[in-house]
Structure formats: C-alpha cells, structure tokens
Amino acid sequence: MGIIAWIIIGIVAGWLAEQIMGRNHGLITNLIVGVIGALIGGFIAGALGISWGGWIGSTIVATIGAVILLFLLGLVKRRA
C-alpha cells in the first residue's frame, strides 16, 4: 500500500480506537495513534500467524493495535 493508503487507514483506525476507548483527540493525533497502532497490530498479527489483507483487514489490525496503544497510554497516565 502507498503512503496515502497508510494515512487514510491510520486516520480511520485512530478514530475508531478513539470511539471504542471513549477518548476525544484531533485529526493529527488520530493519524499518529492509527499509524503506531498499525505497527503494533501488524507485529502482533504476524507473531500470531494471522494474515489479513486489503483495506478492511488492514483497518481492523490497525484499530486493534491503536486500541492497545490507547489502553497502555491510559495505564501509564494513571501512574504518573
């Protein structure tokens, strides 16, 4: 996938994770969370041997990773 696809999937995944976790961020934060979430989700999916392709599969994996990222950030934020 090209960089434009990564950006679109990142924004969508970040927004979906934001909705799931009950947070309120801006567009740029959603993009960052979505792209980092895609890396986390891709790593976990690869480690588990799961291979989802295409736009929908990539969005699902990125969203799962973004939810995990927001959850971990919430844990760190509570401790600080």
Protein backbone atom coordinates (compact mmCIF):
# COMPACT_ATOMS: atom_id res chain seq x y z
CA MET A 1 0.00 0.00 0.00
CA GLY A 2 1.10 3.51 -0.68
CA ILE A 3 1.63 6.34 1.76
CA ILE A 4 -1.83 7.79 1.04
CA ALA A 5 -3.44 4.45 1.98
CA TRP A 6 -1.39 4.35 5.21
CA ILE A 7 -2.59 7.85 6.10
CA ILE A 8 -6.25 7.05 5.38
CA ILE A 9 -6.14 3.76 7.28
CA GLY A 10 -4.26 5.46 10.12
CA ILE A 11 -6.87 8.19 10.46
CA VAL A 12 -9.76 5.72 10.32
CA ALA A 13 -8.11 3.31 12.78
CA GLY A 14 -7.22 6.14 15.16
CA TRP A 15 -10.77 7.48 15.02
CA LEU A 16 -12.27 4.02 15.59
CA ALA A 17 -9.94 3.40 18.54
CA GLU A 18 -10.85 6.82 19.92
CA GLN A 19 -14.55 5.92 19.76
CA ILE A 20 -14.02 2.47 21.29
CA MET A 21 -11.92 3.84 24.15
CA GLY A 22 -14.17 6.87 24.77
CA ARG A 23 -11.45 9.44 24.12
CA ASN A 24 -11.52 12.74 22.26
CA HIS A 25 -8.49 13.60 20.10
CA GLY A 26 -7.88 15.63 16.99
CA LEU A 27 -7.19 14.51 13.44
CA ILE A 28 -3.39 14.55 13.73
CA THR A 29 -3.48 12.59 16.99
CA ASN A 30 -5.82 10.05 15.39
CA LEU A 31 -3.38 9.69 12.50
CA ILE A 32 -0.41 9.17 14.82
CA VAL A 33 -2.29 6.71 17.05
CA GLY A 34 -3.58 4.86 13.97
CA VAL A 35 -0.17 4.52 12.30
CA ILE A 36 1.56 3.43 15.52
CA GLY A 37 -1.40 1.14 16.16
CA ALA A 38 -0.94 -0.37 12.70
CA LEU A 39 2.67 -1.18 13.57
CA ILE A 40 1.66 -2.71 16.90
CA GLY A 41 -1.27 -4.62 15.37
CA GLY A 42 0.85 -5.81 12.46
CA PHE A 43 3.54 -7.07 14.82
CA ILE A 44 1.02 -8.93 16.98
CA ALA A 45 -0.84 -10.36 13.97
CA GLY A 46 2.46 -11.51 12.45
CA ALA A 47 3.56 -13.12 15.71
CA LEU A 48 0.24 -14.99 15.91
CA GLY A 49 0.43 -16.02 12.26
CA ILE A 50 -2.64 -14.02 11.27
CA SER A 51 -2.63 -12.60 7.76
CA TRP A 52 -5.38 -10.14 6.83
CA GLY A 53 -5.00 -8.27 3.61
CA GLY A 54 -6.72 -5.43 1.87
CA TRP A 55 -8.23 -2.24 3.21
CA ILE A 56 -10.64 -3.86 5.64
CA GLY A 57 -8.14 -6.29 7.12
CA SER A 58 -5.52 -3.56 7.47
CA THR A 59 -8.03 -1.26 9.16
CA ILE A 60 -9.07 -3.99 11.61
CA VAL A 61 -5.45 -4.81 12.51
CA ALA A 62 -4.56 -1.11 12.85
CA THR A 63 -7.63 -0.45 15.00
CA ILE A 64 -6.81 -3.33 17.34
CA GLY A 65 -3.26 -2.04 17.65
CA ALA A 66 -4.49 1.52 18.26
CA VAL A 67 -6.88 0.34 21.00
CA ILE A 68 -3.98 -1.50 22.65
CA LEU A 69 -1.84 1.64 22.38
CA LEU A 70 -4.53 3.86 23.94
CA PHE A 71 -5.08 1.31 26.70
CA LEU A 72 -1.37 1.21 27.54
CA LEU A 73 -1.11 5.00 27.43
CA GLY A 74 -4.06 5.19 29.82
CA LEU A 75 -2.28 2.86 32.25
CA VAL A 76 0.90 4.94 32.12
CA LYS A 77 -1.04 8.18 32.51
CA ARG A 78 -2.80 6.92 35.66
CA ARG A 79 0.51 6.03 37.31
CA ALA A 80 2.04 9.43 36.63
